[in-house]
Amino acid sequence: MAVTVSLNGSVPSPAPYPLAAGRVGASVPVFYALAAAAPITIGTTVIPAAYADGDISAVPLALLTVGLILLLFCVGYAAMARRVPNAGALYSFVARGLGRPIGVGAAWVALLSYNAIQIGLYGAAGWAAAPLLKSWFGIDGEGWMVAAGWWAVVALCGLLQVQIAGGLLALVVLAESVAIAGFGAANLLEPAGGRVTWDTFVLPDLAAGDRPALGLLLVVAAFAFIGFETTAAYAEETIRPRRSIARAAGLAVLLMALLYGFSAWAMSVAAGLGEAARPGAGRGAELVFDLAAARLAPWAVTLGRVLLLTGLLAAMISLHHTIARYTFALGRERVLFGWLGRTTRIGSVPVPASITQSLVAAAVLGGVYASGWGTPAETLHRLTVAGGLGILLLLPAASLAALLYLNRVPGDERLWHRFAAPAAATVLLGALAYLGWANLPGLFDVPADHPLVIGVPTGFAATVLFGISYGYVLRAVAPISYAGIGLGGAAVVVTPVIPKPREPGAHRPERVRR
């Protein structure tokens, strides 16, 4: 319960109906994180795109390397989750470690980034639905129709209790994992050339490769893991928040790394690594289904397409719940409107925050389809990339915040947990963020003089500066709200009691001897 003690000693009313504690177990945040990452989408888009560029031999290594970096990050992340279980997740960590104004800036970046990723996925959903609509109904589905239908489903699922939505996401994630494993096993059973060659096990010669392309590949691999960090947003609703969330992020990263690495390697075995196979890689995202069609029954390919579509839907639902909890946390702490920090009496669902996110998504989608700025699918894809770049900014900031906070406020963490791992993760994640922002033309697939190359960094810089400035404004005009930033609204302000001066001639009470 959020309670603040003001300067004059009054205690305002607590926020009505907070998030319900003890609703879900340790596995539910893991499923939310895996759903947000959409593993089957990574397997059908990112990996084939890398194969089309002839970098398939480096893809498994890049994915595993990024996975190791993120496991280092999870050490400090877990320690912060034990200390600061808060629905604000990365925002609350940054506020505690780097200061409240920078925390508000991180909050704006988080909201902007997660909304951009979630809304951008509607464009991918239209692409994924097109083959099914054509084969089942014989119609060429319009992107806006698919987006509108998926928006309605996401908006309704956003009003579900956390355990109900988590159960639905768990079913989708398990089905995705089985499909990825099944396609990979089929590729291994029928490899290119009739046997698995030693070339598929040999590590690539990175020194002889194209270093800019390798840097871009590492950034794309980092994008594949985005979503693992959302586990902390459900800390207040787990049975054992200090233990469950600390383990959930690391488990999510480990599962993603193993699943992605296996999928990439199995695809290289099935398609081949030589120049003769290079033209076949031009099939892009259809490569996965083409390989499956040559090895499995037609129904398996259709099932894979259905799971791709449901996987995208699960990602949008998971990100919607994450955004709703960030918004709820900011409303509860009076950084945003206070009514956003309310939940329903029955179910403890942050309905105002959920409805707000749905309305924002509807407004952006409507603007994209009505504006005529390029194709909607291309615009929405660029939104997803921009959102991923924002998360790449947040991760090193959160790692640095963990490093500073854990050493400034010593606890029972060992040197590895409070210093070595967070310091290494800060440097490595900072390098990944630099590579991402230095490769904007390649990520957006635009020339170096394109407006996006200047507009996206400018937009994020303005967002950070606005958030920091807003934090300082709160400190000046609303010190009680400012004191509760990053604390779930539970700010305690202690001021010394100054006795009033005694008036001249006032009677001094006599001492009573006992």
Protein backbone atom coordinates (compact mmCIF):
# COMPACT_ATOMS: atom_id res chain seq x y z
CA MET A 1 0.00 0.00 0.00
CA ALA A 2 1.41 3.37 -0.96
CA VAL A 3 1.50 5.82 1.93
CA THR A 4 3.12 9.22 1.96
CA VAL A 5 3.78 11.44 4.93
CA SER A 6 3.70 15.07 3.96
CA LEU A 7 5.67 17.97 5.41
CA ASN A 8 2.91 18.91 7.82
CA GLY A 9 2.44 15.34 8.98
CA SER A 10 -0.84 14.62 7.16
CA VAL A 11 -1.31 11.25 5.51
CA PRO A 12 -3.20 11.28 2.19
CA SER A 13 -5.48 8.45 1.21
CA PRO A 14 -3.74 5.45 -0.33
CA ALA A 15 -4.28 4.57 -3.97
CA PRO A 16 -7.48 2.50 -4.24
CA TYR A 17 -7.17 -1.18 -5.09
CA PRO A 18 -3.46 -1.73 -5.75
CA LEU A 19 -2.13 -4.63 -7.79
CA ALA A 20 -2.99 -7.91 -6.07
CA ALA A 21 -0.03 -9.69 -4.52
CA GLY A 22 0.46 -13.43 -4.82
CA ARG A 23 -1.63 -13.94 -7.94
CA VAL A 24 0.92 -15.82 -10.07
CA GLY A 25 3.86 -18.15 -9.62
CA ALA A 26 7.42 -17.85 -10.82
CA SER A 27 6.72 -19.31 -14.27
CA VAL A 28 4.14 -16.74 -15.40
CA PRO A 29 6.60 -13.81 -15.75
CA VAL A 30 8.82 -16.13 -17.82
CA PHE A 31 5.96 -16.83 -20.20
CA TYR A 32 5.16 -13.13 -20.45
CA ALA A 33 8.79 -12.44 -21.35
CA LEU A 34 8.98 -15.25 -23.93
CA ALA A 35 5.70 -14.15 -25.47
CA ALA A 36 6.96 -10.56 -25.77
CA ALA A 37 10.06 -11.80 -27.64
CA ALA A 38 7.90 -13.87 -30.08
CA PRO A 39 10.48 -16.67 -30.68
CA ILE A 40 8.76 -18.05 -33.78
CA THR A 41 8.88 -14.60 -35.37
CA ILE A 42 12.64 -14.46 -34.79
CA GLY A 43 13.02 -17.90 -36.32
CA THR A 44 11.06 -16.98 -39.45
CA THR A 45 12.30 -13.43 -40.06
CA VAL A 46 15.62 -12.55 -38.40
CA ILE A 47 17.50 -15.78 -39.06
CA PRO A 48 16.45 -16.13 -42.74
CA ALA A 49 17.30 -12.46 -43.31
CA ALA A 50 20.82 -13.10 -42.01
CA TYR A 51 21.05 -16.18 -44.20
CA ALA A 52 20.11 -14.12 -47.23
CA ASP A 53 23.19 -11.99 -46.58
CA GLY A 54 25.41 -15.07 -46.36
CA ASP A 55 26.06 -14.67 -42.61
CA ILE A 56 24.26 -17.80 -41.43
CA SER A 57 27.43 -19.37 -39.99
CA ALA A 58 27.82 -16.38 -37.64
CA VAL A 59 24.18 -16.19 -36.57
CA PRO A 60 24.23 -18.93 -33.90
CA LEU A 61 27.44 -17.47 -32.47
CA ALA A 62 25.98 -13.95 -32.41
CA LEU A 63 22.82 -15.14 -30.66
CA LEU A 64 24.74 -17.09 -28.03
CA THR A 65 27.15 -14.18 -27.48
CA VAL A 66 24.33 -11.73 -26.87
CA GLY A 67 22.67 -14.30 -24.62
CA LEU A 68 25.81 -14.45 -22.45
CA ILE A 69 25.95 -10.65 -22.23
CA LEU A 70 22.33 -10.53 -21.13
CA LEU A 71 22.93 -13.25 -18.54
CA LEU A 72 25.61 -10.97 -17.07
CA PHE A 73 23.04 -8.17 -17.02
CA CYS A 74 20.58 -10.45 -15.22
CA VAL A 75 22.95 -10.75 -12.24
CA GLY A 76 22.57 -7.09 -11.29
CA TYR A 77 18.98 -7.09 -12.55
CA ALA A 78 18.13 -9.92 -10.15
CA ALA A 79 19.75 -8.13 -7.23
CA MET A 80 17.76 -4.97 -7.99
CA ALA A 81 14.55 -6.99 -8.37
CA ARG A 82 15.09 -8.40 -4.88
CA ARG A 83 15.69 -4.93 -3.48
CA VAL A 84 13.10 -3.00 -5.52
CA PRO A 85 10.08 -5.16 -6.50
CA ASN A 86 8.11 -2.58 -8.48
CA ALA A 87 5.74 -2.67 -11.46
CA GLY A 88 7.82 0.17 -12.92
CA ALA A 89 10.65 -2.34 -13.62
CA LEU A 90 13.58 -0.66 -15.41
CA TYR A 91 12.22 2.80 -14.67
CA SER A 92 12.27 2.18 -10.92
CA PHE A 93 15.78 0.70 -11.10
CA VAL A 94 17.14 3.74 -12.94
CA ALA A 95 15.39 6.11 -10.53
CA ARG A 96 16.98 4.39 -7.52
CA GLY A 97 20.45 4.18 -9.01
CA LEU A 98 20.85 7.26 -11.19
CA GLY A 99 18.45 9.68 -9.54
CA ARG A 100 14.78 10.53 -9.83
CA PRO A 101 15.01 13.00 -12.76
CA ILE A 102 16.95 10.51 -14.90
CA GLY A 103 14.44 7.88 -13.78
CA VAL A 104 11.60 9.95 -15.20
CA GLY A 105 13.54 10.27 -18.45
CA ALA A 106 13.95 6.48 -18.51
CA ALA A 107 10.21 6.11 -17.91
CA TRP A 108 9.39 8.21 -20.98
CA VAL A 109 11.86 6.21 -23.07
CA ALA A 110 10.33 2.95 -21.84
CA LEU A 111 6.79 4.01 -22.65
CA LEU A 112 7.81 5.32 -26.08
CA SER A 113 9.85 2.21 -26.92
CA TYR A 114 7.39 -0.45 -25.78
CA ASN A 115 4.50 1.32 -27.46
CA ALA A 116 6.50 1.58 -30.70
CA ILE A 117 7.37 -2.13 -30.64
CA GLN A 118 3.84 -3.22 -29.78
CA ILE A 119 2.18 -1.02 -32.39
CA GLY A 120 4.79 -1.94 -35.00
CA LEU A 121 3.96 -5.62 -34.61
CA TYR A 122 0.55 -4.97 -36.15
CA GLY A 123 2.32 -4.56 -39.49
CA ALA A 124 4.02 -7.96 -39.06
CA ALA A 125 0.65 -9.48 -38.21
CA GLY A 126 -0.76 -8.28 -41.53
CA TRP A 127 2.14 -9.92 -43.38
CA ALA A 128 1.72 -13.18 -41.45
CA ALA A 129 -2.05 -13.31 -42.05
CA ALA A 130 -1.87 -12.74 -45.81
CA PRO A 131 -0.99 -16.35 -46.85
CA LEU A 132 -3.67 -17.82 -44.58
CA LEU A 133 -6.38 -15.48 -45.82
CA LYS A 134 -5.41 -16.28 -49.40
CA SER A 135 -5.39 -20.08 -48.96
CA TRP A 136 -8.43 -20.36 -46.69
CA PHE A 137 -10.77 -17.71 -48.04
CA GLY A 138 -9.26 -16.81 -51.39
CA ILE A 139 -9.02 -13.11 -50.53
CA ASP A 140 -6.16 -10.69 -50.40
CA GLY A 141 -6.42 -9.41 -46.85
CA GLU A 142 -5.93 -5.72 -46.33
CA GLY A 143 -3.41 -4.82 -43.65
CA TRP A 144 -5.75 -2.43 -41.90
CA MET A 145 -8.39 -5.17 -41.55
CA VAL A 146 -5.95 -7.50 -39.82
CA ALA A 147 -4.63 -4.68 -37.63
CA ALA A 148 -8.14 -3.65 -36.58
CA GLY A 149 -9.14 -7.20 -35.69
CA TRP A 150 -5.94 -7.83 -33.73
CA TRP A 151 -6.29 -4.47 -31.96
CA ALA A 152 -9.73 -5.48 -30.68
CA VAL A 153 -8.42 -8.82 -29.40
CA VAL A 154 -5.44 -7.19 -27.66
CA ALA A 155 -7.66 -4.52 -26.08
CA LEU A 156 -9.98 -7.19 -24.65
CA CYS A 157 -7.13 -9.38 -23.40
CA GLY A 158 -5.60 -6.33 -21.73
CA LEU A 159 -8.58 -6.28 -19.37
CA LEU A 160 -8.00 -9.85 -18.20
CA GLN A 161 -6.47 -10.68 -14.85
CA VAL A 162 -2.75 -11.33 -14.93
CA GLN A 163 -3.06 -15.05 -14.24
CA ILE A 164 -5.69 -15.62 -16.95
CA ALA A 165 -3.75 -13.76 -19.64
CA GLY A 166 -0.59 -15.50 -18.45
CA GLY A 167 -2.21 -18.90 -18.92
CA LEU A 168 -3.21 -18.06 -22.49
CA LEU A 169 0.28 -16.80 -23.28
CA ALA A 170 1.82 -19.94 -21.78
CA LEU A 171 -0.16 -22.12 -24.20
CA VAL A 172 0.96 -20.05 -27.20
CA VAL A 173 4.60 -19.96 -26.10
CA LEU A 174 4.71 -23.72 -25.54
CA ALA A 175 3.15 -24.29 -28.97
CA GLU A 176 5.70 -21.93 -30.56
CA SER A 177 8.57 -23.76 -28.89
CA VAL A 178 7.32 -27.14 -30.05
CA ALA A 179 6.96 -25.84 -33.61
CA ILE A 180 10.49 -24.39 -33.64
CA ALA A 181 11.92 -27.60 -32.23
CA GLY A 182 9.91 -29.69 -34.70
CA PHE A 183 11.03 -27.70 -37.72
CA GLY A 184 14.61 -27.84 -36.49
CA ALA A 185 14.46 -31.62 -35.99
CA ALA A 186 13.05 -32.07 -39.49
CA ASN A 187 15.92 -30.00 -40.90
CA LEU A 188 18.46 -32.18 -39.10
CA LEU A 189 16.85 -35.43 -40.28
CA GLU A 190 17.06 -34.34 -43.92
CA PRO A 191 20.17 -32.13 -44.19
CA ALA A 192 21.40 -30.56 -47.40
CA GLY A 193 23.49 -33.05 -49.37
CA GLY A 194 22.17 -35.97 -47.34
CA ARG A 195 24.45 -35.52 -44.32
CA VAL A 196 25.44 -33.01 -41.66
CA THR A 197 28.82 -31.60 -42.69
CA TRP A 198 31.59 -30.45 -40.37
CA ASP A 199 31.31 -26.93 -41.84
CA THR A 200 28.16 -26.33 -39.83
CA PHE A 201 30.11 -26.82 -36.57
CA VAL A 202 33.13 -24.69 -37.47
CA LEU A 203 33.16 -21.20 -36.01
CA PRO A 204 33.36 -18.43 -38.63
CA ASP A 205 36.55 -16.45 -39.14
CA LEU A 206 35.41 -13.18 -37.65
CA ALA A 207 38.68 -11.38 -38.38
CA ALA A 208 38.25 -11.97 -42.10
CA GLY A 209 34.61 -10.99 -42.13
CA ASP A 210 32.92 -7.66 -42.68
CA ARG A 211 33.16 -5.91 -39.30
CA PRO A 212 30.31 -3.43 -39.89
CA ALA A 213 28.09 -6.35 -40.92
CA LEU A 214 29.14 -8.27 -37.80
CA GLY A 215 28.25 -5.29 -35.61
CA LEU A 216 24.88 -5.03 -37.29
CA LEU A 217 24.34 -8.75 -36.76
CA LEU A 218 25.03 -8.40 -33.03
CA VAL A 219 22.47 -5.59 -32.78
CA VAL A 220 19.84 -7.65 -34.59
CA ALA A 221 20.63 -10.56 -32.26
CA ALA A 222 20.08 -8.22 -29.30
CA PHE A 223 16.70 -7.24 -30.74
CA ALA A 224 15.74 -10.92 -30.71
CA PHE A 225 15.93 -10.99 -26.90
CA ILE A 226 13.93 -7.84 -26.22
CA GLY A 227 11.12 -8.75 -23.85
CA PHE A 228 13.15 -10.68 -21.27
CA GLU A 229 13.45 -7.52 -19.16
CA THR A 230 9.66 -7.24 -18.78
CA THR A 231 9.62 -9.88 -16.02
CA ALA A 232 10.15 -7.27 -13.29
CA ALA A 233 6.91 -5.51 -14.26
CA TYR A 234 5.01 -8.40 -12.61
CA ALA A 235 7.03 -8.40 -9.38
CA GLU A 236 4.18 -7.08 -7.24
CA GLU A 237 1.82 -9.82 -8.42
CA THR A 238 4.01 -12.90 -7.89
CA ILE A 239 3.87 -15.16 -4.86
CA ARG A 240 7.53 -14.63 -3.95
CA PRO A 241 8.47 -11.39 -5.74
CA ARG A 242 12.02 -11.14 -4.43
CA ARG A 243 12.90 -14.68 -5.45
CA SER A 244 10.68 -15.30 -8.50
CA ILE A 245 11.58 -12.22 -10.53
CA ALA A 246 15.27 -12.62 -9.77
CA ARG A 247 15.24 -15.99 -11.51
CA ALA A 248 12.66 -15.30 -14.23
CA ALA A 249 14.75 -12.95 -16.40
CA GLY A 250 17.79 -15.24 -16.44
CA LEU A 251 15.66 -18.27 -17.26
CA ALA A 252 13.96 -16.40 -20.10
CA VAL A 253 17.32 -15.37 -21.60
CA LEU A 254 18.69 -18.90 -21.31
CA LEU A 255 15.66 -20.45 -23.02
CA MET A 256 15.74 -17.87 -25.82
CA ALA A 257 19.46 -18.38 -26.45
CA LEU A 258 19.11 -22.15 -26.68
CA LEU A 259 16.01 -21.98 -28.89
CA TYR A 260 17.45 -19.37 -31.25
CA GLY A 261 20.85 -21.02 -31.47
CA PHE A 262 19.37 -24.40 -32.29
CA SER A 263 16.98 -22.97 -34.87
CA ALA A 264 19.76 -21.07 -36.67
CA TRP A 265 22.12 -24.03 -36.72
CA ALA A 266 19.42 -26.46 -37.93
CA MET A 267 18.50 -24.07 -40.73
CA SER A 268 22.12 -23.90 -41.86
CA VAL A 269 22.21 -27.71 -41.94
CA ALA A 270 19.07 -27.91 -44.07
CA ALA A 271 19.78 -25.07 -46.50
CA GLY A 272 23.54 -25.43 -46.76
CA LEU A 273 26.33 -22.92 -46.35
CA GLY A 274 27.84 -22.85 -49.82
CA GLU A 275 27.41 -20.36 -52.60
CA ALA A 276 25.08 -22.77 -54.39
CA ALA A 277 22.54 -22.34 -51.63
CA ARG A 278 22.81 -18.56 -51.58
CA PRO A 279 20.17 -17.87 -54.25
CA GLY A 280 17.66 -19.94 -52.32
CA ALA A 281 18.07 -17.62 -49.37
CA GLY A 282 16.38 -14.88 -51.38
CA ARG A 283 13.09 -16.40 -50.29
CA GLY A 284 13.53 -14.47 -47.04
CA ALA A 285 10.93 -15.22 -44.41
CA GLU A 286 9.38 -17.92 -46.61
CA LEU A 287 12.60 -19.95 -46.37
CA VAL A 288 11.53 -21.58 -43.10
CA PHE A 289 8.21 -22.71 -44.53
CA ASP A 290 9.78 -23.81 -47.81
CA LEU A 291 12.23 -26.02 -45.93
CA ALA A 292 9.40 -27.40 -43.81
CA ALA A 293 7.23 -28.05 -46.87
CA ALA A 294 9.98 -30.20 -48.39
CA ARG A 295 10.22 -32.34 -45.25
CA LEU A 296 6.85 -32.33 -43.50
CA ALA A 297 3.18 -32.79 -44.32
CA PRO A 298 1.25 -29.75 -45.63
CA TRP A 299 -0.74 -29.49 -42.42
CA ALA A 300 2.48 -28.94 -40.46
CA VAL A 301 3.37 -25.94 -42.63
CA THR A 302 -0.12 -24.50 -42.21
CA LEU A 303 0.11 -25.04 -38.47
CA GLY A 304 3.43 -23.20 -38.45
CA ARG A 305 1.86 -20.22 -40.21
CA VAL A 306 -1.01 -20.19 -37.71
CA LEU A 307 1.42 -20.29 -34.80
CA LEU A 308 3.39 -17.43 -36.34
CA LEU A 309 0.22 -15.35 -36.36
CA THR A 310 -0.78 -16.34 -32.82
CA GLY A 311 2.79 -15.73 -31.67
CA LEU A 312 2.61 -12.15 -32.90
CA LEU A 313 -0.73 -11.76 -31.15
CA ALA A 314 0.78 -13.11 -27.92
CA ALA A 315 3.67 -10.64 -28.23
CA MET A 316 1.26 -7.73 -28.59
CA ILE A 317 -0.78 -8.88 -25.59
CA SER A 318 2.31 -9.33 -23.44
CA LEU A 319 3.69 -5.92 -24.35
CA HIS A 320 0.27 -4.38 -23.72
CA HIS A 321 0.28 -5.73 -20.16
CA THR A 322 3.83 -4.48 -19.64
CA ILE A 323 2.95 -0.98 -20.86
CA ALA A 324 -0.15 -0.97 -18.67
CA ARG A 325 1.96 -1.75 -15.59
CA TYR A 326 4.52 0.92 -16.40
CA THR A 327 1.67 3.40 -16.83
CA PHE A 328 0.04 2.22 -13.61
CA ALA A 329 3.31 2.67 -11.70
CA LEU A 330 3.78 6.20 -13.04
CA GLY A 331 0.19 7.10 -12.20
CA ARG A 332 0.48 5.67 -8.69
CA GLU A 333 3.58 7.79 -8.10
CA ARG A 334 1.82 10.88 -9.53
CA VAL A 335 4.34 11.23 -12.34
CA LEU A 336 1.36 10.81 -14.69
CA PHE A 337 -2.29 11.44 -13.88
CA GLY A 338 -3.25 9.82 -10.59
CA TRP A 339 -6.27 8.03 -12.04
CA LEU A 340 -3.90 5.93 -14.16
CA GLY A 341 -2.62 4.38 -10.94
CA ARG A 342 -5.90 2.70 -10.08
CA THR A 343 -7.06 -0.88 -10.47
CA THR A 344 -10.43 -2.58 -10.34
CA ARG A 345 -11.79 -3.70 -6.97
CA ILE A 346 -12.34 -7.21 -8.33
CA GLY A 347 -9.36 -8.68 -10.11
CA SER A 348 -6.96 -5.79 -9.43
CA VAL A 349 -6.59 -5.07 -13.15
CA PRO A 350 -5.08 -1.67 -14.09
CA VAL A 351 -8.00 -0.89 -16.38
CA PRO A 352 -7.41 2.88 -16.84
CA ALA A 353 -3.81 2.24 -17.90
CA SER A 354 -4.88 -0.62 -20.19
CA ILE A 355 -7.58 1.41 -21.92
CA THR A 356 -5.15 4.31 -22.36
CA GLN A 357 -2.65 2.09 -24.15
CA SER A 358 -5.37 0.70 -26.42
CA LEU A 359 -6.48 4.22 -27.35
CA VAL A 360 -2.89 5.27 -28.07
CA ALA A 361 -2.38 2.22 -30.30
CA ALA A 362 -5.63 2.91 -32.16
CA ALA A 363 -4.68 6.55 -32.74
CA VAL A 364 -1.20 5.67 -34.07
CA LEU A 365 -2.49 2.85 -36.29
CA GLY A 366 -5.18 5.10 -37.69
CA GLY A 367 -2.64 7.82 -38.36
CA VAL A 368 -0.26 5.41 -40.10
CA TYR A 369 -2.92 4.02 -42.42
CA ALA A 370 -4.41 7.46 -43.16
CA SER A 371 -1.18 9.39 -43.62
CA GLY A 372 0.03 7.73 -46.81
CA TRP A 373 3.69 7.92 -45.68
CA GLY A 374 5.05 4.95 -47.59
CA THR A 375 3.47 1.58 -47.09
CA PRO A 376 1.88 0.96 -43.66
CA ALA A 377 3.82 -2.29 -43.23
CA GLU A 378 7.12 -0.51 -43.84
CA THR A 379 6.24 2.31 -41.44
CA LEU A 380 5.17 -0.10 -38.71
CA HIS A 381 8.34 -2.15 -39.18
CA ARG A 382 10.41 0.98 -38.66
CA LEU A 383 8.44 1.70 -35.50
CA THR A 384 9.48 -1.70 -34.15
CA VAL A 385 13.15 -1.03 -34.94
CA ALA A 386 12.99 2.38 -33.28
CA GLY A 387 11.45 0.83 -30.19
CA GLY A 388 14.21 -1.77 -30.06
CA LEU A 389 16.82 0.99 -30.16
CA GLY A 390 15.11 2.62 -27.19
CA ILE A 391 15.35 -0.59 -25.16
CA LEU A 392 19.05 -0.79 -26.06
CA LEU A 393 19.39 2.59 -24.34
CA LEU A 394 17.53 1.44 -21.24
CA LEU A 395 19.49 -1.76 -20.64
CA PRO A 396 22.95 -0.19 -20.08
CA ALA A 397 21.31 2.60 -18.05
CA ALA A 398 19.63 0.01 -15.81
CA SER A 399 22.88 -1.94 -15.50
CA LEU A 400 24.78 1.20 -14.48
CA ALA A 401 22.01 2.04 -12.01
CA ALA A 402 22.35 -1.43 -10.46
CA LEU A 403 26.12 -1.02 -10.20
CA LEU A 404 25.81 2.33 -8.39
CA TYR A 405 22.87 1.49 -6.16
CA LEU A 406 24.08 -1.91 -4.98
CA ASN A 407 27.44 -0.44 -3.97
CA ARG A 408 26.04 2.79 -2.53
CA VAL A 409 23.50 0.92 -0.40
CA PRO A 410 25.37 -2.27 0.58
CA GLY A 411 23.40 -5.42 1.17
CA ASP A 412 24.18 -9.11 1.39
CA GLU A 413 25.22 -9.40 -2.28
CA ARG A 414 28.66 -10.74 -3.06
CA LEU A 415 31.27 -8.81 -5.06
CA TRP A 416 30.27 -10.67 -8.25
CA HIS A 417 26.61 -9.69 -7.92
CA ARG A 418 27.05 -6.05 -6.91
CA PHE A 419 30.16 -5.04 -8.83
CA ALA A 420 31.85 -7.42 -11.29
CA ALA A 421 28.83 -8.61 -13.28
CA PRO A 422 27.01 -5.23 -13.40
CA ALA A 423 30.22 -3.43 -14.42
CA ALA A 424 30.95 -5.90 -17.24
CA ALA A 425 27.32 -5.82 -18.39
CA THR A 426 27.31 -2.01 -18.44
CA VAL A 427 30.34 -1.90 -20.73
CA LEU A 428 29.13 -4.66 -23.06
CA LEU A 429 25.57 -3.37 -23.30
CA GLY A 430 26.91 0.12 -23.87
CA ALA A 431 28.92 -1.26 -26.79
CA LEU A 432 25.79 -2.93 -28.20
CA ALA A 433 23.85 0.32 -27.86
CA TYR A 434 26.62 2.19 -29.65
CA LEU A 435 26.62 -0.36 -32.49
CA GLY A 436 22.88 -0.03 -32.80
CA TRP A 437 22.81 3.74 -33.02
CA ALA A 438 25.87 3.77 -35.30
CA ASN A 439 24.15 1.41 -37.76
CA LEU A 440 20.86 3.25 -38.18
CA PRO A 441 20.91 3.18 -42.02
CA GLY A 442 21.42 -0.59 -42.03
CA LEU A 443 18.73 -1.23 -39.39
CA PHE A 444 16.16 0.92 -41.18
CA ASP A 445 17.40 -0.15 -44.63
CA VAL A 446 17.66 3.47 -45.78
CA PRO A 447 20.49 5.63 -47.19
CA ALA A 448 22.73 7.53 -44.79
CA ASP A 449 21.06 10.87 -45.60
CA HIS A 450 17.52 9.62 -44.91
CA PRO A 451 15.47 11.74 -42.44
CA LEU A 452 15.11 8.75 -40.12
CA VAL A 453 18.85 8.71 -39.45
CA ILE A 454 18.56 12.16 -37.89
CA GLY A 455 14.95 12.08 -36.75
CA VAL A 456 15.06 8.97 -34.52
CA PRO A 457 18.08 10.05 -32.40
CA THR A 458 16.66 13.55 -32.14
CA GLY A 459 13.32 12.18 -30.99
CA PHE A 460 14.85 10.02 -28.28
CA ALA A 461 17.16 12.81 -27.12
CA ALA A 462 14.17 15.14 -26.83
CA THR A 463 12.27 12.47 -24.91
CA VAL A 464 15.08 12.00 -22.39
CA LEU A 465 15.58 15.74 -21.91
CA PHE A 466 11.85 16.32 -21.48
CA GLY A 467 11.64 13.53 -18.90
CA ILE A 468 14.60 14.86 -16.91
CA SER A 469 13.21 18.40 -17.02
CA TYR A 470 9.82 17.14 -15.92
CA GLY A 471 11.48 15.40 -12.98
CA TYR A 472 13.06 18.65 -11.84
CA VAL A 473 9.73 20.43 -12.22
CA LEU A 474 8.11 17.80 -9.99
CA ARG A 475 10.82 18.35 -7.39
CA ALA A 476 9.98 22.05 -7.30
CA VAL A 477 6.18 21.99 -7.43
CA ALA A 478 5.29 18.56 -5.97
CA PRO A 479 8.05 17.45 -3.60
CA ILE A 480 5.93 14.68 -2.07
CA SER A 481 5.26 13.09 -5.46
CA TYR A 482 8.91 13.58 -6.37
CA ALA A 483 10.01 11.79 -3.19
CA GLY A 484 7.93 8.75 -4.15
CA ILE A 485 9.45 8.28 -7.62
CA GLY A 486 10.80 4.74 -7.92
CA LEU A 487 9.34 3.76 -4.56
CA GLY A 488 5.86 2.76 -5.60
CA GLY A 489 4.55 6.03 -4.19
CA ALA A 490 5.63 5.04 -0.67
CA ALA A 491 7.59 8.16 0.18
CA VAL A 492 8.30 9.05 3.79
CA VAL A 493 9.44 12.62 4.31
CA VAL A 494 10.82 13.31 7.78
CA THR A 495 11.25 16.90 8.94
CA PRO A 496 12.48 18.09 12.32
CA VAL A 497 9.90 19.48 14.71
CA ILE A 498 10.75 23.10 15.51
CA PRO A 499 9.10 24.28 18.77
CA LYS A 500 7.18 27.51 18.66
CA PRO A 501 8.85 30.42 20.48
CA ARG A 502 7.38 31.18 23.89
CA GLU A 503 5.57 34.48 24.12
CA PRO A 504 6.98 37.06 26.57
CA GLY A 505 5.36 36.85 29.96
CA ALA A 506 3.90 33.45 29.31
CA HIS A 507 3.61 31.28 32.42
CA ARG A 508 6.31 28.60 32.59
CA PRO A 509 4.93 25.35 33.96
CA GLU A 510 6.50 24.30 37.22
CA ARG A 511 8.44 21.08 37.40
CA VAL A 512 6.77 18.38 39.35
CA ARG A 513 8.98 16.55 41.74
CA ARG A 514 8.36 12.88 42.24
